[in-house]
C-alpha atoms as a PDB file:
ATOM      1  CA  MET A   1      18.117 -22.581 -18.120  1.00  0.00           C
ATOM      2  CA  GLU A   2      16.645 -19.621 -19.887  1.00  0.00           C
ATOM      3  CA  ASN A   3      12.990 -20.476 -19.225  1.00  0.00           C
ATOM      4  CA  LEU A   4      12.775 -22.048 -15.805  1.00  0.00           C
ATOM      5  CA  PRO A   5       9.162 -22.586 -14.792  1.00  0.00           C
ATOM      6  CA  THR A   6       8.052 -20.173 -12.084  1.00  0.00           C
ATOM      7  CA  SER A   7       6.647 -23.064 -10.045  1.00  0.00           C
ATOM      8  CA  PHE A   8      10.055 -24.772 -10.076  1.00  0.00           C
ATOM      9  CA  ILE A   9      11.690 -21.685  -8.572  1.00  0.00           C
ATOM     10  CA  GLU A  10       8.774 -21.049  -6.182  1.00  0.00           C
ATOM     11  CA  ASN A  11       9.387 -24.493  -4.683  1.00  0.00           C
ATOM     12  CA  LYS A  12      12.914 -23.413  -3.827  1.00  0.00           C
ATOM     13  CA  ILE A  13      11.852 -20.227  -2.044  1.00  0.00           C
ATOM     14  CA  TYR A  14      11.249 -20.641   1.668  1.00  0.00           C
ATOM     15  CA  GLU A  15       9.964 -18.318   4.333  1.00  0.00           C
ATOM     16  CA  ILE A  16      12.418 -18.125   7.213  1.00  0.00           C
ATOM     17  CA  ARG A  17      12.440 -15.384   9.849  1.00  0.00           C
ATOM     18  CA  GLY A  18       9.579 -13.765   7.980  1.00  0.00           C
ATOM     19  CA  LEU A  19      11.692 -13.403   4.818  1.00  0.00           C
ATOM     20  CA  LYS A  20      11.494 -15.101   1.439  1.00  0.00           C
ATOM     21  CA  VAL A  21      14.866 -16.791   0.961  1.00  0.00           C
ATOM     22  CA  MET A  22      16.669 -19.401  -1.113  1.00  0.00           C
ATOM     23  CA  LEU A  23      19.143 -21.992   0.149  1.00  0.00           C
ATOM     24  CA  ASP A  24      22.766 -21.870  -0.949  1.00  0.00           C
ATOM     25  CA  SER A  25      22.541 -25.478  -2.168  1.00  0.00           C
ATOM     26  CA  ASP A  26      19.461 -24.743  -4.298  1.00  0.00           C
ATOM     27  CA  LEU A  27      21.129 -21.682  -5.803  1.00  0.00           C
ATOM     28  CA  ALA A  28      24.275 -23.698  -6.516  1.00  0.00           C
ATOM     29  CA  SER A  29      22.186 -26.313  -8.289  1.00  0.00           C
ATOM     30  CA  LEU A  30      20.382 -23.677 -10.369  1.00  0.00           C
ATOM     31  CA  TYR A  31      23.619 -21.841 -11.196  1.00  0.00           C
ATOM     32  CA  GLU A  32      25.280 -25.169 -12.015  1.00  0.00           C
ATOM     33  CA  VAL A  33      28.112 -24.663  -9.527  1.00  0.00           C
ATOM     34  CA  GLU A  34      29.098 -26.356  -6.272  1.00  0.00           C
ATOM     35  CA  THR A  35      27.664 -24.995  -3.036  1.00  0.00           C
ATOM     36  CA  LYS A  36      31.155 -24.179  -1.855  1.00  0.00           C
ATOM     37  CA  ARG A  37      31.494 -21.720  -4.794  1.00  0.00           C
ATOM     38  CA  ILE A  38      28.444 -19.847  -3.494  1.00  0.00           C
ATOM     39  CA  ASN A  39      29.933 -19.718  -0.017  1.00  0.00           C
ATOM     40  CA  GLU A  40      33.310 -18.622  -1.407  1.00  0.00           C
ATOM     41  CA  ALA A  41      31.597 -15.752  -3.236  1.00  0.00           C
ATOM     42  CA  VAL A  42      30.173 -14.538   0.069  1.00  0.00           C
ATOM     43  CA  LYS A  43      33.447 -15.030   1.939  1.00  0.00           C
ATOM     44  CA  ASN A  44      35.530 -13.265  -0.721  1.00  0.00           C
ATOM     45  CA  ASN A  45      33.095 -10.344  -1.134  1.00  0.00           C
ATOM     46  CA  PRO A  46      31.811  -9.484   2.351  1.00  0.00           C
ATOM     47  CA  GLU A  47      31.110  -5.866   1.352  1.00  0.00           C
ATOM     48  CA  LYS A  48      28.566  -7.107  -1.205  1.00  0.00           C
ATOM     49  CA  PHE A  49      26.647  -9.233   1.294  1.00  0.00           C
ATOM     50  CA  PRO A  50      25.291  -7.211   4.199  1.00  0.00           C
ATOM     51  CA  LYS A  51      23.280  -9.074   6.828  1.00  0.00           C
ATOM     52  CA  ASP A  52      19.967  -8.306   5.112  1.00  0.00           C
ATOM     53  CA  PHE A  53      21.177 -10.058   1.904  1.00  0.00           C
ATOM     54  CA  TYR A  54      21.924 -13.425   3.508  1.00  0.00           C
ATOM     55  CA  PHE A  55      22.235 -15.231   6.824  1.00  0.00           C
ATOM     56  CA  GLU A  56      23.265 -18.614   8.100  1.00  0.00           C
ATOM     57  CA  LEU A  57      20.535 -20.794   9.534  1.00  0.00           C
ATOM     58  CA  VAL A  58      20.721 -21.645  13.207  1.00  0.00           C
ATOM     59  CA  LYS A  59      20.535 -25.305  14.144  1.00  0.00           C
ATOM     60  CA  GLU A  60      16.833 -25.145  15.138  1.00  0.00           C
ATOM     61  CA  GLU A  61      15.859 -23.529  11.812  1.00  0.00           C
ATOM     62  CA  PHE A  62      17.849 -26.130   9.929  1.00  0.00           C
ATOM     63  CA  GLU A  63      16.147 -28.970  11.839  1.00  0.00           C
ATOM     64  CA  ILE A  64      12.706 -27.521  11.085  1.00  0.00           C
ATOM     65  CA  LEU A  65      13.625 -27.190   7.421  1.00  0.00           C
ATOM     66  CA  ARG A  66      15.031 -30.708   7.346  1.00  0.00           C
ATOM     67  CA  SER A  67      11.889 -32.136   8.982  1.00  0.00           C
ATOM     68  CA  LYS A  68       9.657 -30.495   6.365  1.00  0.00           C
ATOM     69  CA  PHE A  69      11.396 -32.215   3.495  1.00  0.00           C
ATOM     70  CA  SER A  70      11.942 -35.927   3.315  1.00  0.00           C
ATOM     71  CA  THR A  71      14.710 -35.638   0.766  1.00  0.00           C
ATOM     72  CA  THR A  72      18.285 -36.677   1.331  1.00  0.00           C
ATOM     73  CA  LYS A  73      19.770 -33.397   0.127  1.00  0.00           C
ATOM     74  CA  PHE A  74      20.242 -32.200   3.712  1.00  0.00           C
ATOM     75  CA  SER A  75      21.867 -35.378   4.959  1.00  0.00           C
ATOM     76  CA  LYS A  76      25.138 -34.516   3.200  1.00  0.00           C
ATOM     77  CA  THR A  77      25.339 -31.060   4.768  1.00  0.00           C
ATOM     78  CA  ARG A  78      28.224 -30.649   7.176  1.00  0.00           C
ATOM     79  CA  THR A  79      27.761 -26.965   7.872  1.00  0.00           C
ATOM     80  CA  LEU A  80      24.634 -24.951   8.478  1.00  0.00           C
ATOM     81  CA  PRO A  81      23.288 -23.650   5.166  1.00  0.00           C
ATOM     82  CA  LYS A  82      23.246 -20.018   4.178  1.00  0.00           C
ATOM     83  CA  VAL A  83      20.071 -18.528   2.808  1.00  0.00           C
ATOM     84  CA  PHE A  84      19.831 -15.546   0.489  1.00  0.00           C
ATOM     85  CA  THR A  85      17.168 -12.876   0.181  1.00  0.00           C
ATOM     86  CA  GLU A  86      16.163 -11.549  -3.214  1.00  0.00           C
ATOM     87  CA  GLN A  87      18.910  -8.914  -3.017  1.00  0.00           C
ATOM     88  CA  GLY A  88      21.472 -11.549  -2.033  1.00  0.00           C
ATOM     89  CA  VAL A  89      20.505 -13.710  -5.004  1.00  0.00           C
ATOM     90  CA  TYR A  90      21.004 -10.752  -7.316  1.00  0.00           C
ATOM     91  CA  MET A  91      24.373  -9.957  -5.751  1.00  0.00           C
ATOM     92  CA  LEU A  92      25.484 -13.566  -6.261  1.00  0.00           C
ATOM     93  CA  ALA A  93      24.715 -13.250  -9.967  1.00  0.00           C
ATOM     94  CA  THR A  94      26.930 -10.164 -10.236  1.00  0.00           C
ATOM     95  CA  ILE A  95      29.818 -12.134  -8.765  1.00  0.00           C
ATOM     96  CA  LEU A  96      29.323 -15.446 -10.608  1.00  0.00           C
ATOM     97  CA  LYS A  97      29.014 -13.669 -14.000  1.00  0.00           C
ATOM     98  CA  SER A  98      28.155 -16.686 -16.114  1.00  0.00           C
ATOM     99  CA  LYS A  99      25.446 -16.874 -18.773  1.00  0.00           C
ATOM    100  CA  VAL A 100      23.674 -19.510 -16.674  1.00  0.00           C
ATOM    101  CA  ALA A 101      23.835 -17.300 -13.567  1.00  0.00           C
ATOM    102  CA  THR A 102      22.399 -14.352 -15.505  1.00  0.00           C
ATOM    103  CA  ASP A 103      19.562 -16.386 -17.040  1.00  0.00           C
ATOM    104  CA  VAL A 104      18.692 -18.089 -13.768  1.00  0.00           C
ATOM    105  CA  THR A 105      18.789 -14.811 -11.824  1.00  0.00           C
ATOM    106  CA  ILE A 106      16.396 -13.182 -14.289  1.00  0.00           C
ATOM    107  CA  ASN A 107      13.961 -16.049 -13.715  1.00  0.00           C
ATOM    108  CA  ILE A 108      14.431 -15.859  -9.952  1.00  0.00           C
ATOM    109  CA  MET A 109      13.836 -12.085  -9.922  1.00  0.00           C
ATOM    110  CA  ARG A 110      10.643 -12.543 -11.941  1.00  0.00           C
ATOM    111  CA  THR A 111       9.481 -15.211  -9.513  1.00  0.00           C
ATOM    112  CA  PHE A 112      10.190 -13.018  -6.475  1.00  0.00           C
ATOM    113  CA  THR A 113       8.237 -10.210  -8.165  1.00  0.00           C
ATOM    114  CA  LYS A 114       5.266 -12.510  -8.802  1.00  0.00           C
ATOM    115  CA  LEU A 115       5.343 -13.690  -5.192  1.00  0.00           C
ATOM    116  CA  ARG A 116       5.457 -10.097  -3.959  1.00  0.00           C
ATOM    117  CA  GLU A 117       2.499  -9.154  -6.183  1.00  0.00           C
ATOM    118  CA  PHE A 118       0.590 -12.170  -4.923  1.00  0.00           C
ATOM    119  CA  ALA A 119       1.422 -11.261  -1.324  1.00  0.00           C
ATOM    120  CA  LEU A 120       0.135  -7.712  -1.861  1.00  0.00           C
ATOM    121  CA  THR A 121      -3.078  -9.028  -3.379  1.00  0.00           C
ATOM    122  CA  TYR A 122      -3.388 -11.561  -0.573  1.00  0.00           C
ATOM    123  CA  LYS A 123      -2.828  -8.801   1.972  1.00  0.00           C
ATOM    124  CA  ASP A 124      -5.676  -6.773   0.439  1.00  0.00           C
ATOM    125  CA  ILE A 125      -7.942  -9.816   0.583  1.00  0.00           C
ATOM    126  CA  VAL A 126      -7.049 -10.416   4.245  1.00  0.00           C
ATOM    127  CA  ILE A 127      -7.795  -6.769   5.075  1.00  0.00           C
ATOM    128  CA  GLU A 128     -11.166  -7.006   3.325  1.00  0.00           C
ATOM    129  CA  LEU A 129     -11.984 -10.224   5.195  1.00  0.00           C
ATOM    130  CA  LYS A 130     -11.065  -8.600   8.521  1.00  0.00           C
ATOM    131  CA  ASN A 131     -13.283  -5.619   7.689  1.00  0.00           C
ATOM    132  CA  LEU A 132     -16.128  -7.949   6.766  1.00  0.00           C
ATOM    133  CA  LYS A 133     -15.636  -9.866  10.014  1.00  0.00           C
ATOM    134  CA  GLU A 134     -15.822  -6.616  11.998  1.00  0.00           C
ATOM    135  CA  ASP A 135     -18.973  -5.599  10.113  1.00  0.00           C
ATOM    136  CA  LEU A 136     -20.515  -8.979  10.891  1.00  0.00           C
ATOM    137  CA  LYS A 137     -19.622  -8.558  14.569  1.00  0.00           C
ATOM    138  CA  LEU A 138     -21.241  -5.128  14.579  1.00  0.00           C
ATOM    139  CA  ASN A 139     -24.290  -6.475  12.748  1.00  0.00           C
ATOM    140  CA  LYS A 140     -24.452  -9.418  15.152  1.00  0.00           C
ATOM    141  CA  ASN A 141     -24.304  -7.069  18.135  1.00  0.00           C
ATOM    142  CA  GLN A 142     -26.951  -4.851  16.513  1.00  0.00           C
ATOM    143  CA  THR A 143     -29.094  -7.912  15.766  1.00  0.00           C
ATOM    144  CA  ILE A 144     -28.825  -9.050  19.383  1.00  0.00           C
ATOM    145  CA  GLU A 145     -29.806  -5.556  20.542  1.00  0.00           C
ATOM    146  CA  ASN A 146     -32.714  -5.414  18.066  1.00  0.00           C
ATOM    147  CA  THR A 147     -33.869  -8.861  19.179  1.00  0.00           C
ATOM    148  CA  LYS A 148     -33.963  -7.645  22.800  1.00  0.00           C
ATOM    149  CA  HIS A 149     -36.039  -4.622  21.786  1.00  0.00           C
ATOM    150  CA  ILE A 150     -38.434  -6.740  19.732  1.00  0.00           C
ATOM    151  CA  LYS A 151     -38.773  -9.230  22.611  1.00  0.00           C
ATOM    152  CA  THR A 152     -39.560  -6.370  25.007  1.00  0.00           C
ATOM    153  CA  ALA A 153     -42.135  -4.973  22.553  1.00  0.00           C
ATOM    154  CA  PHE A 154     -43.861  -8.371  22.280  1.00  0.00           C
ATOM    155  CA  GLU A 155     -43.844  -8.749  26.060  1.00  0.00           C
ATOM    156  CA  LEU A 156     -45.521  -5.346  26.406  1.00  0.00           C
ATOM    157  CA  LEU A 157     -48.071  -6.196  23.691  1.00  0.00           C
ATOM    158  CA  SER A 158     -48.754  -9.505  25.383  1.00  0.00           C
ATOM    159  CA  GLN A 159     -49.239  -7.724  28.712  1.00  0.00           C
ATOM    160  CA  ILE A 160     -51.675  -5.285  27.102  1.00  0.00           C
ATOM    161  CA  LEU A 161     -53.637  -8.179  25.579  1.00  0.00           C
ATOM    162  CA  ASP A 162     -53.720  -9.996  28.924  1.00  0.00           C
ATOM    163  CA  ASP A 163     -54.850  -6.823  30.684  1.00  0.00           C
ATOM    164  CA  THR A 164     -57.574  -6.342  28.077  1.00  0.00           C
ATOM    165  CA  LYS A 165     -58.902  -9.893  28.595  1.00  0.00           C
ATOM    166  CA  ASN A 166     -59.058  -9.423  32.346  1.00  0.00           C
ATOM    167  CA  THR A 167     -61.027  -6.204  32.155  1.00  0.00           C
ATOM    168  CA  ASP A 168     -64.716  -6.218  33.070  1.00  0.00           C
ATOM    169  CA  GLU A 169     -66.793  -5.723  29.921  1.00  0.00           C
ATOM    170  CA  LYS A 170     -69.064  -3.237  31.610  1.00  0.00           C
ATOM    171  CA  VAL A 171     -66.165  -1.009  32.390  1.00  0.00           C
ATOM    172  CA  MET A 172     -65.071  -0.875  28.776  1.00  0.00           C
ATOM    173  CA  GLY A 173     -66.303   1.948  26.630  1.00  0.00           C
ATOM    174  CA  PHE A 174     -68.324   4.980  27.697  1.00  0.00           C
ATOM    175  CA  LYS A 175     -70.619   4.996  30.651  1.00  0.00           C
ATOM    176  CA  VAL A 176     -73.606   7.132  30.079  1.00  0.00           C
ATOM    177  CA  GLU A 177     -75.684   8.188  33.076  1.00  0.00           C
ATOM    178  CA  ARG A 178     -79.333   8.725  32.402  1.00  0.00           C
ATOM    179  CA  LYS A 179     -81.332  11.218  34.207  1.00  0.00           C
ATOM    180  CA  LEU A 180     -84.908  10.299  34.766  1.00  0.00           C
END
């Protein structure tokens, strides 16, 4: 388990309640233990698992998760699964203390780090896109305003041309009076 592919771990990281988390059953599978051992670790070490390290899914969250995946792994679940944040995963590794748990946790931590780096890059891209969108809105508003001014200028020029055509030719230019 030393070199788990990042993509394999990424597929086991879900976003729930705005947090990146891993299911107890997925962690148990990776750590090569039963899910009940994961839950026992939490139960026997409550001081190591504050509420921001793990939480139990509510029924609605579990149903949404179940509907997203057409696998049978959720059909055997009798209790609502627990999910663990990055810190909770690390804490589990300190309790399980096996070579497999250590190796897997290192891979999981690296994957969480890559996801965080990607999210930061993605956030920068989103900010740039929002700024570009605002610039385009401003340019669009300016373009609309400029178009109105240009239209007004052409209307005035057109009026001047029309007025010029309607003018009596004799009136145009200088009128010189001759004295005889």
